[in-house]
Amino acid sequence: MYKVAGKVFLIVTDDPDEQIITVKCEPEHARAQVSGYPSISPGRYLDKRHWISLGPGPGITERLVTDAVEDSYDLVAERLPRRDRPSAR
């Protein structure tokens, strides 16, 4: 698990046979991602409206994964109280 100021923004599986990451996502964007890619699904074990899980598959690029992680970090960080927000990256 990766956190910003104690809040989770990224979960990475530790099973090399099942490489999956789970990130926080705006509900509308999550629905679009899930319907657009067969290897993106609603977040495992989490609120399926706000989390998505990405695994290897068609269309899953390094850029897509990087963007998903950065968007998740930003989403979590911007909802923190101002005093807890990290300085700009």
Protein backbone atom coordinates (compact mmCIF):
# COMPACT_ATOMS: atom_id res chain seq x y z
CA MET A 1 0.00 0.00 0.00
CA TYR A 2 1.14 3.51 -0.81
CA LYS A 3 -0.20 6.46 1.13
CA VAL A 4 -0.12 10.24 1.16
CA ALA A 5 -0.51 11.73 4.65
CA GLY A 6 -1.88 8.40 5.89
CA LYS A 7 -4.49 8.01 3.12
CA VAL A 8 -4.20 5.14 0.64
CA PHE A 9 -3.91 6.07 -3.05
CA LEU A 10 -2.29 2.91 -4.49
CA ILE A 11 -2.42 -0.81 -3.71
CA VAL A 12 0.00 -3.15 -5.48
CA THR A 13 -0.35 -6.93 -5.34
CA ASP A 14 2.74 -8.77 -4.16
CA ASP A 15 1.90 -11.89 -6.19
CA PRO A 16 4.17 -12.01 -9.28
CA ASP A 17 1.62 -14.24 -11.04
CA GLU A 18 -1.16 -11.67 -10.59
CA GLN A 19 0.26 -8.20 -11.21
CA ILE A 20 -2.56 -5.85 -10.35
CA ILE A 21 -2.65 -2.31 -9.03
CA THR A 22 -5.68 -0.62 -7.53
CA VAL A 23 -6.07 3.16 -7.59
CA LYS A 24 -8.65 5.74 -6.54
CA CYS A 25 -10.59 7.29 -9.42
CA GLU A 26 -13.46 9.71 -10.02
CA PRO A 27 -16.64 7.64 -10.51
CA GLU A 28 -17.30 8.84 -14.09
CA HIS A 29 -13.71 8.19 -15.12
CA ALA A 30 -13.76 4.80 -13.40
CA ARG A 31 -16.84 3.73 -15.38
CA ALA A 32 -15.19 4.84 -18.64
CA GLN A 33 -11.98 2.97 -17.85
CA VAL A 34 -13.80 -0.23 -16.87
CA SER A 35 -15.89 -0.19 -20.06
CA GLY A 36 -12.92 0.77 -22.25
CA TYR A 37 -10.38 -1.88 -21.21
CA PRO A 38 -11.01 -5.57 -20.53
CA SER A 39 -8.21 -5.73 -17.93
CA ILE A 40 -9.52 -2.80 -15.87
CA SER A 41 -12.19 -3.73 -13.35
CA PRO A 42 -13.94 -2.10 -10.41
CA GLY A 43 -11.60 -2.01 -7.40
CA ARG A 44 -11.15 -5.28 -5.59
CA TYR A 45 -12.43 -5.30 -2.02
CA LEU A 46 -13.04 -1.52 -2.13
CA ASP A 47 -15.80 0.92 -3.05
CA LYS A 48 -16.30 -0.05 -6.67
CA ARG A 49 -17.46 3.45 -7.63
CA HIS A 50 -14.23 5.12 -6.53
CA TRP A 51 -11.53 2.49 -7.11
CA ILE A 52 -10.34 0.59 -10.17
CA SER A 53 -7.96 -2.35 -10.53
CA LEU A 54 -5.62 -2.54 -13.52
CA GLY A 55 -3.93 -5.68 -14.72
CA PRO A 56 -1.83 -6.47 -17.77
CA GLY A 57 -3.74 -6.75 -21.02
CA PRO A 58 -4.60 -5.11 -24.32
CA GLY A 59 -4.23 -1.34 -24.25
CA ILE A 60 -2.63 -1.22 -20.80
CA THR A 61 0.47 0.88 -21.39
CA GLU A 62 3.09 2.25 -19.04
CA ARG A 63 1.67 5.74 -19.67
CA LEU A 64 -1.87 4.61 -18.76
CA VAL A 65 -0.63 3.08 -15.50
CA THR A 66 1.50 6.13 -14.67
CA ASP A 67 -1.44 8.47 -15.34
CA ALA A 68 -3.76 6.34 -13.19
CA VAL A 69 -1.31 6.38 -10.26
CA GLU A 70 -0.64 10.13 -10.56
CA ASP A 71 -4.36 10.90 -10.84
CA SER A 72 -5.06 8.77 -7.77
CA TYR A 73 -2.34 10.53 -5.75
CA ASP A 74 -3.67 13.94 -6.79
CA LEU A 75 -7.26 12.96 -6.00
CA VAL A 76 -6.36 11.81 -2.50
CA ALA A 77 -3.95 14.70 -1.81
CA GLU A 78 -6.40 17.42 -2.86
CA ARG A 79 -9.01 16.11 -0.43
CA LEU A 80 -6.66 16.30 2.55
CA PRO A 81 -6.89 19.21 4.97
CA ARG A 82 -4.61 21.99 3.72
CA ARG A 83 -2.16 21.50 6.63
CA ASP A 84 -1.68 17.83 5.67
CA ARG A 85 -1.22 18.30 1.93
CA PRO A 86 2.25 17.59 0.61
CA SER A 87 4.09 20.36 -1.20
CA ALA A 88 3.73 20.35 -4.99
CA ARG A 89 5.53 17.53 -6.71
